[in-house]
Amino acid sequence: MKYNFLSCAKTLIIVAGFASSLASCTYKENVDFPYEESIYMPAAGIATGGAGANGIFTITPTMEGLSYRYLADKASSKFDIPLSVTRSGVNRSGSIPVNIITNTDTINKLIAAGKFSVAADPLLTTEVLPTKYTLPTSVLLSGDSTLASFNLSIDLTFMTNSAINFPKKRYAIAVGINSPGVKVDSLKKLTVIFIDPASVILPTSNFSSFVDGPYKTASFINTSLNGTAYSWDFGDGTPVLATASATHKYSAGGNYTVTLTAIGITGTISVKTSSVAIP
């Protein structure tokens, strides 16, 4: 009986000592965990990371259901490209002033290196974005936020004139950040932005169709680019329908010419016609 008591006592002492040691290690690890705050541009991360990344943040057409790359405001004649600065980690104890800068030399070097060239169309050219834009000189990452947003606002009239008169001309600008006393991610501190006015300003009307013969009904799927409003003429004298995609029931069989009109952000239009056979 005495032997069993001593054995149990020794076991309890060993277990208690192990638990104490484990708690001590855990506490020390938490206290000594290294932390270094940094800031970066999410747009630069998109351009340099992931499959197919080429280091260039391309302004692509706005598509329903997908994140946008631009917002066009016809009333104020602005073509806004949303950008932002964010911080890593979870520390939000202080505000961080961030300077916004542009780097023309970077764009000139990329142009000289053929970074924006397209072998299939040598007439396409890229140049540094002229000073037809506004950009804040600084933003503030407040202490209770991880994101500070700002816009690169390009004159919409300039974009429209370029798209119509110089459809082969594209532009690029490099927007970067720096901040005193805070680490800036060296791989995500400069966003190279590529803009093709014709590809976002001018609409391209297009659609596909499917006919349900027994019901004399045709479904039209809108595959247009850069349209903000649409109208359908089904070719049978019925009223025009102002929707993106459409389904239409015909009263009689025959061949009908269907017309889709796509209207762009500045009012420019593109028209697509196609014949539909209703049995």
Protein backbone atom coordinates (compact mmCIF):
# COMPACT_ATOMS: atom_id res chain seq x y z
CA MET A 1 0.00 0.00 0.00
CA LYS A 2 2.84 2.34 0.84
CA TYR A 3 4.54 1.50 -2.46
CA ASN A 4 1.41 2.37 -4.46
CA PHE A 5 0.99 5.69 -2.65
CA LEU A 6 4.58 6.77 -3.39
CA SER A 7 4.26 5.76 -7.04
CA CYS A 8 1.10 7.79 -7.43
CA ALA A 9 2.71 10.78 -5.71
CA LYS A 10 5.71 10.65 -8.02
CA THR A 11 3.44 10.41 -11.07
CA LEU A 12 1.42 13.43 -9.97
CA ILE A 13 4.59 15.46 -9.45
CA ILE A 14 5.88 14.55 -12.93
CA VAL A 15 2.55 15.39 -14.62
CA ALA A 16 2.29 18.69 -12.75
CA GLY A 17 5.86 19.60 -13.73
CA PHE A 18 5.18 18.76 -17.39
CA ALA A 19 2.00 20.86 -17.42
CA SER A 20 3.83 23.76 -15.82
CA SER A 21 6.61 23.50 -18.39
CA LEU A 22 4.12 23.34 -21.26
CA ALA A 23 2.24 26.39 -20.00
CA SER A 24 5.51 28.26 -19.64
CA CYS A 25 6.54 27.42 -23.23
CA THR A 26 3.17 28.44 -24.60
CA TYR A 27 3.24 31.76 -22.77
CA LYS A 28 6.79 32.51 -23.90
CA GLU A 29 5.92 31.73 -27.53
CA ASN A 30 3.00 34.15 -27.47
CA VAL A 31 5.08 36.90 -25.93
CA ASP A 32 7.98 36.52 -28.34
CA PHE A 33 5.90 36.14 -31.56
CA PRO A 34 7.49 38.51 -34.12
CA TYR A 35 5.30 41.14 -35.81
CA GLU A 36 6.12 43.61 -38.57
CA GLU A 37 3.46 45.77 -40.16
CA SER A 38 3.62 46.64 -43.87
CA ILE A 39 1.46 48.31 -46.51
CA TYR A 40 0.85 47.50 -50.17
CA MET A 41 -1.43 48.11 -53.18
CA PRO A 42 -3.95 45.28 -53.81
CA ALA A 43 -4.05 46.15 -57.54
CA ALA A 44 -0.32 45.47 -57.76
CA GLY A 45 -0.93 42.13 -56.06
CA ILE A 46 -3.55 41.22 -58.66
CA ALA A 47 -1.20 42.17 -61.50
CA THR A 48 1.79 40.23 -60.16
CA GLY A 49 0.15 37.16 -58.64
CA GLY A 50 -1.87 34.25 -59.90
CA ALA A 51 -2.10 32.39 -63.18
CA GLY A 52 -1.37 34.52 -66.24
CA ALA A 53 -0.10 37.46 -64.19
CA ASN A 54 2.16 39.74 -66.22
CA GLY A 55 2.70 42.61 -63.78
CA ILE A 56 0.21 44.89 -65.54
CA PHE A 57 -3.18 45.91 -64.12
CA THR A 58 -5.30 46.01 -67.29
CA ILE A 59 -8.49 48.05 -67.35
CA THR A 60 -10.98 45.53 -68.67
CA PRO A 61 -14.66 46.08 -69.46
CA THR A 62 -17.05 46.11 -66.53
CA MET A 63 -19.01 42.85 -66.52
CA GLU A 64 -22.12 42.01 -64.53
CA GLY A 65 -21.32 39.79 -61.56
CA LEU A 66 -17.58 40.43 -61.74
CA SER A 67 -15.43 42.93 -59.89
CA TYR A 68 -15.10 46.19 -61.77
CA ARG A 69 -11.94 47.87 -63.00
CA TYR A 70 -13.52 51.24 -63.77
CA LEU A 71 -16.54 53.45 -63.16
CA ALA A 72 -17.60 55.96 -65.81
CA ASP A 73 -19.46 59.06 -64.64
CA LYS A 74 -20.87 60.86 -67.66
CA ALA A 75 -22.42 63.65 -65.56
CA SER A 76 -19.03 64.75 -64.18
CA SER A 77 -17.06 63.59 -67.24
CA LYS A 78 -14.85 61.28 -65.20
CA PHE A 79 -13.46 57.84 -65.93
CA ASP A 80 -12.54 56.56 -62.47
CA ILE A 81 -10.16 53.68 -61.88
CA PRO A 82 -10.54 52.51 -58.24
CA LEU A 83 -7.26 51.91 -56.40
CA SER A 84 -6.40 51.38 -52.75
CA VAL A 85 -3.75 50.89 -50.10
CA THR A 86 -4.02 48.23 -47.42
CA ARG A 87 -1.99 47.00 -44.45
CA SER A 88 -0.91 43.51 -43.52
CA GLY A 89 -1.44 41.86 -40.14
CA VAL A 90 -4.03 42.66 -37.53
CA ASN A 91 -2.55 45.70 -35.82
CA ARG A 92 -4.76 48.76 -36.21
CA SER A 93 -3.36 50.79 -33.35
CA GLY A 94 -2.31 53.83 -35.37
CA SER A 95 -3.02 55.80 -38.52
CA ILE A 96 -0.58 55.62 -41.42
CA PRO A 97 -0.08 58.52 -43.87
CA VAL A 98 0.61 57.21 -47.38
CA ASN A 99 2.04 59.23 -50.27
CA ILE A 100 0.70 58.59 -53.78
CA ILE A 101 3.25 58.98 -56.57
CA THR A 102 3.58 58.37 -60.32
CA ASN A 103 6.60 56.95 -62.12
CA THR A 104 6.94 57.93 -65.78
CA ASP A 105 10.39 56.34 -66.19
CA THR A 106 8.98 52.89 -65.48
CA ILE A 107 6.42 53.22 -68.27
CA ASN A 108 9.00 54.52 -70.77
CA LYS A 109 11.26 51.55 -70.00
CA LEU A 110 8.39 49.07 -70.42
CA ILE A 111 7.42 50.66 -73.75
CA ALA A 112 11.04 50.53 -74.97
CA ALA A 113 11.24 46.87 -73.93
CA GLY A 114 8.12 46.05 -75.97
CA LYS A 115 6.09 45.08 -72.90
CA PHE A 116 2.89 46.47 -74.44
CA SER A 117 3.54 45.38 -78.05
CA VAL A 118 1.16 43.02 -79.85
CA ALA A 119 2.75 40.98 -82.62
CA ALA A 120 -0.62 40.30 -84.26
CA ASP A 121 -1.29 44.03 -84.68
CA PRO A 122 1.88 46.18 -84.97
CA LEU A 123 -0.27 49.30 -85.45
CA LEU A 124 -1.29 49.22 -81.80
CA THR A 125 0.82 51.70 -79.84
CA THR A 126 1.16 52.57 -76.16
CA GLU A 127 2.34 55.84 -74.64
CA VAL A 128 2.49 57.44 -71.22
CA LEU A 129 -0.95 58.65 -70.12
CA PRO A 130 -1.07 62.43 -70.73
CA THR A 131 -1.89 64.70 -67.80
CA LYS A 132 -5.62 64.40 -68.44
CA TYR A 133 -6.17 62.93 -65.01
CA THR A 134 -6.30 63.75 -61.30
CA LEU A 135 -4.77 61.70 -58.51
CA PRO A 136 -4.57 62.45 -54.77
CA THR A 137 -1.10 63.19 -53.45
CA SER A 138 -1.77 61.21 -50.27
CA VAL A 139 -4.29 59.10 -48.36
CA LEU A 140 -4.62 58.12 -44.71
CA LEU A 141 -4.95 54.57 -43.43
CA SER A 142 -6.92 55.31 -40.28
CA GLY A 143 -6.29 53.43 -37.07
CA ASP A 144 -9.56 51.50 -37.25
CA SER A 145 -9.28 50.46 -40.90
CA THR A 146 -7.16 48.17 -43.06
CA LEU A 147 -8.02 49.88 -46.36
CA ALA A 148 -7.79 53.38 -47.83
CA SER A 149 -9.39 53.81 -51.26
CA PHE A 150 -8.76 56.46 -53.90
CA ASN A 151 -9.41 57.04 -57.61
CA LEU A 152 -7.29 57.68 -60.64
CA SER A 153 -9.77 59.99 -62.41
CA ILE A 154 -9.22 60.40 -66.15
CA ASP A 155 -11.08 62.99 -68.21
CA LEU A 156 -13.94 61.10 -69.90
CA THR A 157 -13.98 63.43 -72.92
CA PHE A 158 -10.32 62.65 -73.53
CA MET A 159 -11.03 58.92 -73.26
CA THR A 160 -13.94 59.20 -75.71
CA ASN A 161 -12.05 61.27 -78.27
CA SER A 162 -9.12 58.89 -78.10
CA ALA A 163 -11.35 55.84 -78.55
CA ILE A 164 -13.10 57.31 -81.59
CA ASN A 165 -10.22 59.17 -83.28
CA PHE A 166 -7.28 56.97 -82.26
CA PRO A 167 -8.66 53.43 -81.77
CA LYS A 168 -5.17 51.92 -82.04
CA LYS A 169 -3.67 54.03 -79.26
CA ARG A 170 -3.39 52.81 -75.68
CA TYR A 171 -2.00 54.44 -72.55
CA ALA A 172 -0.14 53.39 -69.41
CA ILE A 173 0.63 54.96 -66.05
CA ALA A 174 2.52 53.72 -62.99
CA VAL A 175 0.98 54.63 -59.62
CA GLY A 176 3.00 53.89 -56.50
CA ILE A 177 3.05 54.42 -52.74
CA ASN A 178 5.53 55.24 -50.00
CA SER A 179 5.24 56.09 -46.32
CA PRO A 180 7.71 57.36 -43.70
CA GLY A 181 8.44 54.91 -40.93
CA VAL A 182 6.35 52.02 -42.29
CA LYS A 183 7.56 49.11 -44.36
CA VAL A 184 6.22 49.03 -47.93
CA ASP A 185 5.99 45.67 -49.72
CA SER A 186 8.64 45.96 -52.44
CA LEU A 187 6.70 43.69 -54.83
CA LYS A 188 3.37 45.49 -54.40
CA LYS A 189 4.30 49.15 -54.09
CA LEU A 190 3.89 50.11 -57.77
CA THR A 191 0.86 49.40 -59.97
CA VAL A 192 1.39 49.57 -63.74
CA ILE A 193 -2.02 50.43 -65.22
CA PHE A 194 -2.76 49.71 -68.89
CA ILE A 195 -5.70 51.49 -70.54
CA ASP A 196 -7.19 50.82 -73.97
CA PRO A 197 -9.90 53.50 -74.44
CA ALA A 198 -11.45 51.82 -77.48
CA SER A 199 -11.91 48.52 -75.64
CA VAL A 200 -13.89 50.09 -72.79
CA ILE A 201 -15.55 53.17 -74.30
CA LEU A 202 -16.87 51.81 -77.60
CA PRO A 203 -19.63 49.18 -77.33
CA THR A 204 -19.64 46.05 -79.48
CA SER A 205 -23.10 44.58 -80.00
CA ASN A 206 -23.39 40.81 -80.30
CA PHE A 207 -25.78 38.00 -79.36
CA SER A 208 -26.58 34.34 -79.88
CA SER A 209 -30.03 32.76 -80.16
CA PHE A 210 -31.91 29.55 -79.51
CA VAL A 211 -35.28 28.66 -81.06
CA ASP A 212 -37.89 26.48 -79.37
CA GLY A 213 -39.83 25.46 -82.51
CA PRO A 214 -43.02 23.94 -81.04
CA TYR A 215 -43.67 27.12 -79.05
CA LYS A 216 -42.44 29.56 -81.74
CA THR A 217 -40.22 31.13 -79.09
CA ALA A 218 -36.69 32.44 -79.46
CA SER A 219 -34.26 33.13 -76.62
CA PHE A 220 -31.53 35.73 -77.20
CA ILE A 221 -28.34 35.76 -75.15
CA ASN A 222 -26.53 39.09 -75.08
CA THR A 223 -22.75 38.71 -75.52
CA SER A 224 -22.04 42.41 -76.17
CA LEU A 225 -19.10 44.29 -74.73
CA ASN A 226 -19.07 47.71 -73.04
CA GLY A 227 -22.81 48.32 -73.27
CA THR A 228 -24.69 50.10 -70.50
CA ALA A 229 -28.15 49.91 -72.12
CA TYR A 230 -29.70 47.71 -74.81
CA SER A 231 -32.75 47.52 -77.07
CA TRP A 232 -34.15 44.60 -79.06
CA ASP A 233 -36.14 44.77 -82.28
CA PHE A 234 -37.52 41.30 -82.98
CA GLY A 235 -38.44 42.07 -86.59
CA ASP A 236 -42.15 41.28 -86.31
CA GLY A 237 -43.53 44.75 -85.60
CA THR A 238 -43.82 44.26 -81.84
CA PRO A 239 -42.53 47.03 -79.51
CA VAL A 240 -38.79 47.32 -78.87
CA LEU A 241 -37.67 45.68 -75.62
CA ALA A 242 -35.03 47.40 -73.45
CA THR A 243 -33.37 44.49 -71.60
CA ALA A 244 -29.93 42.92 -71.66
CA SER A 245 -31.07 39.48 -72.82
CA ALA A 246 -34.54 38.56 -74.05
CA THR A 247 -37.06 35.85 -74.86
CA HIS A 248 -39.70 36.49 -77.51
CA LYS A 249 -42.72 34.50 -78.72
CA TYR A 250 -43.64 34.93 -82.39
CA SER A 251 -47.23 34.70 -83.56
CA ALA A 252 -46.34 32.98 -86.84
CA GLY A 253 -43.52 31.05 -88.43
CA GLY A 254 -41.08 32.65 -90.84
CA ASN A 255 -37.69 34.34 -91.09
CA TYR A 256 -37.24 37.42 -88.93
CA THR A 257 -34.40 39.94 -88.77
CA VAL A 258 -33.52 40.60 -85.13
CA THR A 259 -31.59 43.75 -84.22
CA LEU A 260 -29.72 44.39 -80.97
CA THR A 261 -28.56 47.95 -80.26
CA ALA A 262 -25.91 48.39 -77.58
CA ILE A 263 -25.35 51.84 -76.07
CA GLY A 264 -21.98 52.68 -74.50
CA ILE A 265 -21.18 54.80 -71.46
CA THR A 266 -20.87 57.98 -73.52
CA GLY A 267 -23.89 57.35 -75.77
CA THR A 268 -22.06 55.73 -78.69
CA ILE A 269 -23.96 52.82 -80.22
CA SER A 270 -23.27 49.53 -81.93
CA VAL A 271 -25.83 47.50 -83.88
CA LYS A 272 -25.93 43.76 -84.54
CA THR A 273 -28.50 42.05 -86.80
CA SER A 274 -29.14 38.37 -87.33
CA SER A 275 -31.81 36.28 -89.05
CA VAL A 276 -33.93 33.91 -86.94
CA ALA A 277 -36.00 31.12 -88.52
CA ILE A 278 -39.23 30.26 -86.71
CA PRO A 279 -40.80 26.99 -87.92
